[in-house]
PDB file of N, CA and C in Angstrom:
ATOM      1  N   UNK A   1       0.825  -1.063  -0.042  1.00  0.00           N
ATOM      2  CA  UNK A   1       0.163  -0.020   0.277  1.00  0.00           C
ATOM      3  C   UNK A   1       0.870   1.145   0.200  1.00  0.00           C
ATOM      4  N   UNK A   2       0.213   2.254  -0.619  1.00  0.00           N
ATOM      5  CA  UNK A   2       1.122   3.362  -0.647  1.00  0.00           C
ATOM      6  C   UNK A   2       0.596   4.365   0.442  1.00  0.00           C
ATOM      7  N   UNK A   3       1.855   4.909   1.168  1.00  0.00           N
ATOM      8  CA  UNK A   3       0.997   5.375   2.691  1.00  0.00           C
ATOM      9  C   UNK A   3       1.783   7.013   2.442  1.00  0.00           C
ATOM     10  N   UNK A   4       2.183   7.332   1.739  1.00  0.00           N
ATOM     11  CA  UNK A   4       2.455   8.788   1.214  1.00  0.00           C
ATOM     12  C   UNK A   4       2.077   9.247  -0.423  1.00  0.00           C
ATOM     13  N   UNK A   5       0.599   8.747  -0.666  1.00  0.00           N
ATOM     14  CA  UNK A   5       0.407   9.000  -1.984  1.00  0.00           C
ATOM     15  C   UNK A   5      -0.491  10.441  -1.672  1.00  0.00           C
ATOM     16  N   UNK A   6       0.517  11.160  -2.972  1.00  0.00           N
ATOM     17  CA  UNK A   6      -0.239  12.603  -3.293  1.00  0.00           C
ATOM     18  C   UNK A   6      -0.660  12.476  -4.926  1.00  0.00           C
ATOM     19  N   UNK A   7      -2.188  13.098  -4.604  1.00  0.00           N
ATOM     20  CA  UNK A   7      -2.692  12.978  -5.715  1.00  0.00           C
ATOM     21  C   UNK A   7      -2.256  13.918  -6.700  1.00  0.00           C
ATOM     22  N   UNK A   8      -2.464  13.319  -8.084  1.00  0.00           N
ATOM     23  CA  UNK A   8      -1.884  14.145  -9.464  1.00  0.00           C
ATOM     24  C   UNK A   8      -2.577  14.921 -10.169  1.00  0.00           C
ATOM     25  N   UNK A   9      -3.929  14.350 -10.056  1.00  0.00           N
ATOM     26  CA  UNK A   9      -4.942  15.058 -10.830  1.00  0.00           C
ATOM     27  C   UNK A   9      -6.056  15.543  -9.942  1.00  0.00           C
ATOM     28  N   UNK A  10      -7.016  16.060 -10.675  1.00  0.00           N
ATOM     29  CA  UNK A  10      -8.393  16.197  -9.963  1.00  0.00           C
ATOM     30  C   UNK A  10      -9.513  15.708 -10.515  1.00  0.00           C
ATOM     31  N   UNK A  11      -9.287  14.157 -10.981  1.00  0.00           N
ATOM     32  CA  UNK A  11     -10.169  13.363 -11.976  1.00  0.00           C
ATOM     33  C   UNK A  11     -10.878  12.817 -10.487  1.00  0.00           C
ATOM     34  N   UNK A  12     -12.158  12.637 -10.386  1.00  0.00           N
ATOM     35  CA  UNK A  12     -13.584  12.506  -9.484  1.00  0.00           C
ATOM     36  C   UNK A  12     -13.389  13.070  -8.238  1.00  0.00           C
ATOM     37  N   UNK A  13     -13.170  14.547  -8.956  1.00  0.00           N
ATOM     38  CA  UNK A  13     -13.201  15.770  -7.746  1.00  0.00           C
ATOM     39  C   UNK A  13     -14.491  15.732  -6.975  1.00  0.00           C
ATOM     40  N   UNK A  14     -15.684  15.134  -7.867  1.00  0.00           N
ATOM     41  CA  UNK A  14     -17.019  15.297  -6.978  1.00  0.00           C
ATOM     42  C   UNK A  14     -17.266  14.413  -6.033  1.00  0.00           C
ATOM     43  N   UNK A  15     -18.282  14.681  -5.244  1.00  0.00           N
ATOM     44  CA  UNK A  15     -18.365  13.954  -3.821  1.00  0.00           C
ATOM     45  C   UNK A  15     -19.767  13.187  -3.756  1.00  0.00           C
ATOM     46  N   UNK A  16     -19.992  12.242  -3.576  1.00  0.00           N
ATOM     47  CA  UNK A  16     -21.034  10.829  -3.596  1.00  0.00           C
ATOM     48  C   UNK A  16     -22.465  11.744  -3.001  1.00  0.00           C
ATOM     49  N   UNK A  17     -22.294  12.790  -2.133  1.00  0.00           N
ATOM     50  CA  UNK A  17     -23.297  13.525  -1.846  1.00  0.00           C
ATOM     51  C   UNK A  17     -23.896  14.527  -2.833  1.00  0.00           C
ATOM     52  N   UNK A  18     -23.032  14.922  -3.589  1.00  0.00           N
ATOM     53  CA  UNK A  18     -23.108  15.971  -4.717  1.00  0.00           C
ATOM     54  C   UNK A  18     -24.089  15.284  -6.075  1.00  0.00           C
ATOM     55  N   UNK A  19     -23.332  13.346  -6.082  1.00  0.00           N
ATOM     56  CA  UNK A  19     -24.331  13.052  -7.089  1.00  0.00           C
ATOM     57  C   UNK A  19     -25.058  12.329  -6.586  1.00  0.00           C
ATOM     58  N   UNK A  20     -25.499  11.902  -5.294  1.00  0.00           N
ATOM     59  CA  UNK A  20     -26.890  11.501  -4.968  1.00  0.00           C
ATOM     60  C   UNK A  20     -27.827  13.165  -4.893  1.00  0.00           C
ATOM     61  N   UNK A  21     -27.287  14.492  -4.730  1.00  0.00           N
ATOM     62  CA  UNK A  21     -28.305  15.142  -5.024  1.00  0.00           C
ATOM     63  C   UNK A  21     -28.636  15.378  -6.384  1.00  0.00           C
ATOM     64  N   UNK A  22     -27.730  15.236  -6.790  1.00  0.00           N
ATOM     65  CA  UNK A  22     -27.890  15.382  -8.638  1.00  0.00           C
ATOM     66  C   UNK A  22     -29.104  14.465  -9.212  1.00  0.00           C
ATOM     67  N   UNK A  23     -28.607  12.970  -8.736  1.00  0.00           N
ATOM     68  CA  UNK A  23     -29.810  11.977  -9.127  1.00  0.00           C
ATOM     69  C   UNK A  23     -31.075  12.427  -8.739  1.00  0.00           C
ATOM     70  N   UNK A  24     -31.197  13.003  -7.282  1.00  0.00           N
ATOM     71  CA  UNK A  24     -32.272  13.114  -6.556  1.00  0.00           C
ATOM     72  C   UNK A  24     -33.241  14.193  -7.357  1.00  0.00           C
ATOM     73  N   UNK A  25     -32.575  15.429  -7.494  1.00  0.00           N
ATOM     74  CA  UNK A  25     -33.120  16.330  -8.117  1.00  0.00           C
ATOM     75  C   UNK A  25     -33.924  15.879  -9.641  1.00  0.00           C
ATOM     76  N   UNK A  26     -32.905  15.337 -10.258  1.00  0.00           N
ATOM     77  CA  UNK A  26     -33.470  14.460 -11.665  1.00  0.00           C
ATOM     78  C   UNK A  26     -34.594  13.803 -11.602  1.00  0.00           C
ATOM     79  N   UNK A  27     -34.847  12.727 -10.478  1.00  0.00           N
ATOM     80  CA  UNK A  27     -35.579  12.224 -10.645  1.00  0.00           C
ATOM     81  C   UNK A  27     -37.036  12.347  -9.459  1.00  0.00           C
ATOM     82  N   UNK A  28     -36.853  13.063  -8.705  1.00  0.00           N
ATOM     83  CA  UNK A  28     -38.210  13.320  -7.816  1.00  0.00           C
ATOM     84  C   UNK A  28     -38.354  14.571  -7.709  1.00  0.00           C
ATOM     85  N   UNK A  29     -37.251  15.953  -7.444  1.00  0.00           N
ATOM     86  CA  UNK A  29     -37.881  17.090  -7.056  1.00  0.00           C
ATOM     87  C   UNK A  29     -38.193  17.722  -8.458  1.00  0.00           C
ATOM     88  N   UNK A  30     -36.930  18.555  -8.976  1.00  0.00           N
ATOM     89  CA  UNK A  30     -37.037  19.602 -10.212  1.00  0.00           C
ATOM     90  C   UNK A  30     -37.165  19.063 -11.467  1.00  0.00           C
ATOM     91  N   UNK A  31     -37.107  17.884 -11.524  1.00  0.00           N
ATOM     92  CA  UNK A  31     -37.024  17.049 -12.798  1.00  0.00           C
ATOM     93  C   UNK A  31     -36.290  17.930 -13.912  1.00  0.00           C
ATOM     94  N   UNK A  32     -35.093  18.022 -13.608  1.00  0.00           N
ATOM     95  CA  UNK A  32     -34.096  18.805 -14.621  1.00  0.00           C
ATOM     96  C   UNK A  32     -33.287  17.481 -15.638  1.00  0.00           C
ATOM     97  N   UNK A  33     -32.556  18.168 -16.638  1.00  0.00           N
ATOM     98  CA  UNK A  33     -31.922  17.302 -17.918  1.00  0.00           C
ATOM     99  C   UNK A  33     -30.853  17.128 -16.855  1.00  0.00           C
ATOM    100  N   UNK A  34     -29.891  15.820 -17.782  1.00  0.00           N
ATOM    101  CA  UNK A  34     -28.894  15.462 -17.286  1.00  0.00           C
ATOM    102  C   UNK A  34     -27.736  16.556 -17.337  1.00  0.00           C
ATOM    103  N   UNK A  35     -27.498  17.310 -18.470  1.00  0.00           N
ATOM    104  CA  UNK A  35     -26.956  18.472 -18.561  1.00  0.00           C
ATOM    105  C   UNK A  35     -27.076  19.566 -17.531  1.00  0.00           C
ATOM    106  N   UNK A  36     -28.061  19.831 -17.604  1.00  0.00           N
ATOM    107  CA  UNK A  36     -28.562  20.683 -16.261  1.00  0.00           C
ATOM    108  C   UNK A  36     -27.981  20.412 -14.937  1.00  0.00           C
ATOM    109  N   UNK A  37     -28.352  19.095 -14.535  1.00  0.00           N
ATOM    110  CA  UNK A  37     -28.107  18.660 -13.363  1.00  0.00           C
ATOM    111  C   UNK A  37     -26.382  18.771 -13.227  1.00  0.00           C
ATOM    112  N   UNK A  38     -25.505  18.198 -14.441  1.00  0.00           N
ATOM    113  CA  UNK A  38     -24.224  18.035 -14.270  1.00  0.00           C
ATOM    114  C   UNK A  38     -23.835  19.308 -13.881  1.00  0.00           C
ATOM    115  N   UNK A  39     -24.125  20.437 -14.711  1.00  0.00           N
ATOM    116  CA  UNK A  39     -23.871  21.757 -14.389  1.00  0.00           C
ATOM    117  C   UNK A  39     -23.977  22.715 -13.123  1.00  0.00           C
ATOM    118  N   UNK A  40     -25.222  22.002 -12.346  1.00  0.00           N
ATOM    119  CA  UNK A  40     -25.565  22.654 -11.376  1.00  0.00           C
ATOM    120  C   UNK A  40     -24.546  22.109 -10.077  1.00  0.00           C
ATOM    121  N   UNK A  41     -24.571  20.971 -10.392  1.00  0.00           N
ATOM    122  CA  UNK A  41     -23.812  20.302  -9.182  1.00  0.00           C
ATOM    123  C   UNK A  41     -22.386  19.988  -9.440  1.00  0.00           C
ATOM    124  N   UNK A  42     -21.860  20.523 -10.585  1.00  0.00           N
ATOM    125  CA  UNK A  42     -20.427  20.427 -10.725  1.00  0.00           C
ATOM    126  C   UNK A  42     -19.991  18.994 -11.087  1.00  0.00           C
ATOM    127  N   UNK A  43     -20.796  18.154 -11.766  1.00  0.00           N
ATOM    128  CA  UNK A  43     -20.061  16.838 -11.857  1.00  0.00           C
ATOM    129  C   UNK A  43     -20.048  16.715 -13.389  1.00  0.00           C
ATOM    130  N   UNK A  44     -18.911  16.062 -14.172  1.00  0.00           N
ATOM    131  CA  UNK A  44     -18.908  15.992 -15.746  1.00  0.00           C
ATOM    132  C   UNK A  44     -20.112  15.004 -16.021  1.00  0.00           C
ATOM    133  N   UNK A  45     -20.784  15.293 -17.146  1.00  0.00           N
ATOM    134  CA  UNK A  45     -21.651  14.937 -17.707  1.00  0.00           C
ATOM    135  C   UNK A  45     -21.532  13.334 -17.944  1.00  0.00           C
ATOM    136  N   UNK A  46     -20.441  12.922 -18.387  1.00  0.00           N
ATOM    137  CA  UNK A  46     -20.691  11.620 -18.988  1.00  0.00           C
ATOM    138  C   UNK A  46     -20.334  10.995 -17.279  1.00  0.00           C
ATOM    139  N   UNK A  47     -19.928  11.334 -16.485  1.00  0.00           N
ATOM    140  CA  UNK A  47     -19.593  10.955 -15.215  1.00  0.00           C
ATOM    141  C   UNK A  47     -21.341  10.361 -14.179  1.00  0.00           C
ATOM    142  N   UNK A  48     -22.105  11.423 -14.724  1.00  0.00           N
ATOM    143  CA  UNK A  48     -23.669  11.708 -14.082  1.00  0.00           C
ATOM    144  C   UNK A  48     -24.369  10.669 -14.876  1.00  0.00           C
ATOM    145  N   UNK A  49     -24.078  10.736 -16.555  1.00  0.00           N
ATOM    146  CA  UNK A  49     -24.918   9.926 -17.410  1.00  0.00           C
ATOM    147  C   UNK A  49     -24.854   8.386 -16.735  1.00  0.00           C
ATOM    148  N   UNK A  50     -23.217   8.145 -16.720  1.00  0.00           N
ATOM    149  CA  UNK A  50     -23.265   6.450 -16.125  1.00  0.00           C
ATOM    150  C   UNK A  50     -23.418   6.090 -15.015  1.00  0.00           C
ATOM    151  N   UNK A  51     -23.528   6.962 -13.946  1.00  0.00           N
ATOM    152  CA  UNK A  51     -24.074   6.668 -12.774  1.00  0.00           C
ATOM    153  C   UNK A  51     -25.854   6.639 -12.492  1.00  0.00           C
ATOM    154  N   UNK A  52     -26.472   7.472 -13.638  1.00  0.00           N
ATOM    155  CA  UNK A  52     -27.830   7.161 -13.544  1.00  0.00           C
ATOM    156  C   UNK A  52     -28.086   6.019 -14.401  1.00  0.00           C
ATOM    157  N   UNK A  53     -27.449   5.562 -15.267  1.00  0.00           N
ATOM    158  CA  UNK A  53     -27.730   4.390 -16.117  1.00  0.00           C
ATOM    159  C   UNK A  53     -27.565   3.082 -15.043  1.00  0.00           C
ATOM    160  N   UNK A  54     -26.489   3.321 -14.283  1.00  0.00           N
ATOM    161  CA  UNK A  54     -26.046   2.201 -13.102  1.00  0.00           C
ATOM    162  C   UNK A  54     -26.561   2.076 -12.108  1.00  0.00           C
ATOM    163  N   UNK A  55     -27.337   3.281 -11.555  1.00  0.00           N
ATOM    164  CA  UNK A  55     -28.050   3.577 -10.696  1.00  0.00           C
ATOM    165  C   UNK A  55     -27.692   3.545  -9.128  1.00  0.00           C
ATOM    166  N   UNK A  56     -26.523   3.857  -9.151  1.00  0.00           N
ATOM    167  CA  UNK A  56     -25.493   4.132  -8.298  1.00  0.00           C
ATOM    168  C   UNK A  56     -24.869   5.075  -7.834  1.00  0.00           C
ATOM    169  N   UNK A  57     -24.662   5.615  -6.534  1.00  0.00           N
ATOM    170  CA  UNK A  57     -23.755   7.017  -6.406  1.00  0.00           C
ATOM    171  C   UNK A  57     -22.444   6.884  -5.833  1.00  0.00           C
ATOM    172  N   UNK A  58     -22.092   5.779  -5.824  1.00  0.00           N
ATOM    173  CA  UNK A  58     -20.969   5.168  -5.300  1.00  0.00           C
ATOM    174  C   UNK A  58     -19.455   5.883  -5.971  1.00  0.00           C
ATOM    175  N   UNK A  59     -18.532   5.916  -5.288  1.00  0.00           N
ATOM    176  CA  UNK A  59     -17.435   6.615  -6.072  1.00  0.00           C
ATOM    177  C   UNK A  59     -16.501   5.627  -6.322  1.00  0.00           C
ATOM    178  N   UNK A  60     -15.767   5.356  -7.330  1.00  0.00           N
ATOM    179  CA  UNK A  60     -14.547   4.104  -7.613  1.00  0.00           C
ATOM    180  C   UNK A  60     -13.693   4.749  -8.767  1.00  0.00           C
ATOM    181  N   UNK A  61     -12.453   4.740  -8.515  1.00  0.00           N
ATOM    182  CA  UNK A  61     -11.199   4.800  -9.533  1.00  0.00           C
ATOM    183  C   UNK A  61     -10.887   3.783  -9.978  1.00  0.00           C
ATOM    184  N   UNK A  62     -10.767   3.484 -11.288  1.00  0.00           N
ATOM    185  CA  UNK A  62      -9.924   2.452 -11.672  1.00  0.00           C
ATOM    186  C   UNK A  62     -11.125   0.887 -11.897  1.00  0.00           C
ATOM    187  N   UNK A  63     -10.244  -0.246 -12.483  1.00  0.00           N
ATOM    188  CA  UNK A  63     -11.153  -0.869 -12.491  1.00  0.00           C
ATOM    189  C   UNK A  63     -11.305  -2.301 -11.052  1.00  0.00           C
ATOM    190  N   UNK A  64     -10.015  -2.089 -10.198  1.00  0.00           N
ATOM    191  CA  UNK A  64     -10.245  -2.956  -9.150  1.00  0.00           C
ATOM    192  C   UNK A  64     -10.956  -2.786  -8.084  1.00  0.00           C
ATOM    193  N   UNK A  65     -11.440  -3.625  -7.432  1.00  0.00           N
ATOM    194  CA  UNK A  65     -12.641  -3.715  -6.434  1.00  0.00           C
ATOM    195  C   UNK A  65     -11.865  -4.343  -5.199  1.00  0.00           C
ATOM    196  N   UNK A  66     -12.432  -3.709  -4.244  1.00  0.00           N
ATOM    197  CA  UNK A  66     -11.939  -4.587  -2.938  1.00  0.00           C
ATOM    198  C   UNK A  66     -12.002  -5.827  -2.908  1.00  0.00           C
ATOM    199  N   UNK A  67     -11.038  -6.618  -1.894  1.00  0.00           N
ATOM    200  CA  UNK A  67     -11.480  -8.356  -2.081  1.00  0.00           C
ATOM    201  C   UNK A  67     -12.248  -8.658  -0.604  1.00  0.00           C
ATOM    202  N   UNK A  68     -11.842  -8.078   0.444  1.00  0.00           N
ATOM    203  CA  UNK A  68     -12.216  -8.029   1.658  1.00  0.00           C
ATOM    204  C   UNK A  68     -13.207  -6.702   2.011  1.00  0.00           C
ATOM    205  N   UNK A  69     -14.078  -6.759   2.964  1.00  0.00           N
ATOM    206  CA  UNK A  69     -14.551  -5.855   3.710  1.00  0.00           C
ATOM    207  C   UNK A  69     -13.498  -5.509   5.005  1.00  0.00           C
ATOM    208  N   UNK A  70     -13.789  -4.070   5.325  1.00  0.00           N
ATOM    209  CA  UNK A  70     -13.189  -3.416   6.422  1.00  0.00           C
ATOM    210  C   UNK A  70     -13.096  -4.479   7.900  1.00  0.00           C
ATOM    211  N   UNK A  71     -14.039  -5.247   8.042  1.00  0.00           N
ATOM    212  CA  UNK A  71     -14.148  -5.831   9.096  1.00  0.00           C
ATOM    213  C   UNK A  71     -13.413  -7.569   9.096  1.00  0.00           C
ATOM    214  N   UNK A  72     -13.717  -7.974   7.792  1.00  0.00           N
ATOM    215  CA  UNK A  72     -13.100  -9.181   7.069  1.00  0.00           C
ATOM    216  C   UNK A  72     -11.296  -8.726   7.256  1.00  0.00           C
ATOM    217  N   UNK A  73     -11.016  -8.039   6.609  1.00  0.00           N
ATOM    218  CA  UNK A  73      -9.525  -7.502   6.761  1.00  0.00           C
ATOM    219  C   UNK A  73      -9.008  -7.675   7.784  1.00  0.00           C
ATOM    220  N   UNK A  74      -9.646  -6.811   8.721  1.00  0.00           N
ATOM    221  CA  UNK A  74      -9.224  -6.626  10.236  1.00  0.00           C
ATOM    222  C   UNK A  74      -9.088  -8.554  10.950  1.00  0.00           C
ATOM    223  N   UNK A  75     -10.017  -8.754  10.720  1.00  0.00           N
ATOM    224  CA  UNK A  75     -10.020 -10.266  11.081  1.00  0.00           C
ATOM    225  C   UNK A  75      -9.005 -11.174  10.539  1.00  0.00           C
ATOM    226  N   UNK A  76      -8.680 -11.228   9.510  1.00  0.00           N
ATOM    227  CA  UNK A  76      -7.476 -11.467   8.688  1.00  0.00           C
ATOM    228  C   UNK A  76      -6.297 -11.257   9.499  1.00  0.00           C
ATOM    229  N   UNK A  77      -6.034  -9.900   9.560  1.00  0.00           N
ATOM    230  CA  UNK A  77      -4.562  -9.195  10.140  1.00  0.00           C
ATOM    231  C   UNK A  77      -4.516  -9.908  11.512  1.00  0.00           C
ATOM    232  N   UNK A  78      -5.828  -9.920  12.112  1.00  0.00           N
ATOM    233  CA  UNK A  78      -5.779 -10.631  13.522  1.00  0.00           C
ATOM    234  C   UNK A  78      -5.085 -11.670  13.688  1.00  0.00           C
ATOM    235  N   UNK A  79      -5.767 -12.667  12.849  1.00  0.00           N
ATOM    236  CA  UNK A  79      -5.335 -13.846  12.779  1.00  0.00           C
ATOM    237  C   UNK A  79      -3.883 -14.127  11.890  1.00  0.00           C
ATOM    238  N   UNK A  80      -3.830 -13.444  11.394  1.00  0.00           N
ATOM    239  CA  UNK A  80      -2.447 -13.651  10.817  1.00  0.00           C
ATOM    240  C   UNK A  80      -1.104 -13.282  11.660  1.00  0.00           C
ATOM    241  N   UNK A  81      -1.659 -12.115  12.591  1.00  0.00           N
ATOM    242  CA  UNK A  81      -0.381 -11.947  13.745  1.00  0.00           C
ATOM    243  C   UNK A  81      -0.059 -12.929  14.618  1.00  0.00           C
ATOM    244  N   UNK A  82      -1.474 -13.635  15.135  1.00  0.00           N
ATOM    245  CA  UNK A  82      -1.166 -14.852  15.821  1.00  0.00           C
ATOM    246  C   UNK A  82      -0.664 -16.016  15.136  1.00  0.00           C
ATOM    247  N   UNK A  83      -0.686 -16.386  14.026  1.00  0.00           N
ATOM    248  CA  UNK A  83      -0.380 -17.526  13.416  1.00  0.00           C
ATOM    249  C   UNK A  83       1.189 -17.312  12.651  1.00  0.00           C
ATOM    250  N   UNK A  84       1.604 -16.048  12.843  1.00  0.00           N
ATOM    251  CA  UNK A  84       2.969 -15.801  11.828  1.00  0.00           C
ATOM    252  C   UNK A  84       4.133 -16.593  11.994  1.00  0.00           C
ATOM    253  N   UNK A  85       4.387 -17.249  13.107  1.00  0.00           N
ATOM    254  CA  UNK A  85       5.223 -18.203  13.390  1.00  0.00           C
ATOM    255  C   UNK A  85       5.205 -19.233  12.993  1.00  0.00           C
ATOM    256  N   UNK A  86       4.093 -19.947  12.656  1.00  0.00           N
ATOM    257  CA  UNK A  86       3.741 -21.111  12.382  1.00  0.00           C
ATOM    258  C   UNK A  86       3.356 -21.249  10.405  1.00  0.00           C
ATOM    259  N   UNK A  87       2.865 -20.060  10.044  1.00  0.00           N
ATOM    260  CA  UNK A  87       2.852 -20.108   8.739  1.00  0.00           C
ATOM    261  C   UNK A  87       4.023 -19.735   7.679  1.00  0.00           C
ATOM    262  N   UNK A  88       3.870 -20.214   6.140  1.00  0.00           N
ATOM    263  CA  UNK A  88       4.630 -19.843   5.472  1.00  0.00           C
ATOM    264  C   UNK A  88       4.161 -18.755   4.514  1.00  0.00           C
ATOM    265  N   UNK A  89       5.290 -18.409   3.786  1.00  0.00           N
ATOM    266  CA  UNK A  89       4.269 -17.332   2.750  1.00  0.00           C
ATOM    267  C   UNK A  89       3.417 -18.249   1.898  1.00  0.00           C
ATOM    268  N   UNK A  90       3.600 -19.096   1.418  1.00  0.00           N
ATOM    269  CA  UNK A  90       2.764 -19.792   0.709  1.00  0.00           C
ATOM    270  C   UNK A  90       1.276 -19.856   1.179  1.00  0.00           C
ATOM    271  N   UNK A  91       1.415 -20.443   2.417  1.00  0.00           N
ATOM    272  CA  UNK A  91       0.258 -20.694   3.280  1.00  0.00           C
ATOM    273  C   UNK A  91      -0.469 -19.278   3.535  1.00  0.00           C
ATOM    274  N   UNK A  92       0.301 -18.116   3.904  1.00  0.00           N
ATOM    275  CA  UNK A  92      -0.794 -17.008   3.487  1.00  0.00           C
ATOM    276  C   UNK A  92      -1.360 -16.269   2.285  1.00  0.00           C
ATOM    277  N   UNK A  93      -0.715 -16.598   1.154  1.00  0.00           N
ATOM    278  CA  UNK A  93      -1.117 -16.687  -0.286  1.00  0.00           C
ATOM    279  C   UNK A  93      -2.705 -17.332  -0.512  1.00  0.00           C
ATOM    280  N   UNK A  94      -2.271 -18.679   0.055  1.00  0.00           N
ATOM    281  CA  UNK A  94      -3.554 -19.543  -0.146  1.00  0.00           C
ATOM    282  C   UNK A  94      -4.534 -18.984   0.894  1.00  0.00           C
ATOM    283  N   UNK A  95      -4.459 -18.559   1.993  1.00  0.00           N
ATOM    284  CA  UNK A  95      -5.447 -18.432   2.844  1.00  0.00           C
ATOM    285  C   UNK A  95      -6.355 -16.853   2.482  1.00  0.00           C
ATOM    286  N   UNK A  96      -5.482 -16.132   1.654  1.00  0.00           N
ATOM    287  CA  UNK A  96      -5.811 -14.437   1.526  1.00  0.00           C
ATOM    288  C   UNK A  96      -6.641 -15.222   0.511  1.00  0.00           C
ATOM    289  N   UNK A  97      -6.788 -15.970  -0.705  1.00  0.00           N
ATOM    290  CA  UNK A  97      -7.355 -15.826  -1.569  1.00  0.00           C
ATOM    291  C   UNK A  97      -8.016 -17.497  -1.556  1.00  0.00           C
TER     292      UNK A  97
END
């Protein structure tokens, strides 16, 4: 994991709350167009259009998805700390996947 990551671009600078508000304004309240909602909430039009089709306002960069949820990852880390003297590297890999 990169611990000292410094963002180089402003891609995906919109927030999930702005995306939810834009989607809500389009469907429920104001009934405005996709382009008008994108301009009003400062979200790129293609991004808003894609999220409306998908039906989700979650933000994700890249094609990779997390394998474990936070709770499962913490549980695995605790277990590995307990078992680190007994397991080999190949055992850890097979357990993780």
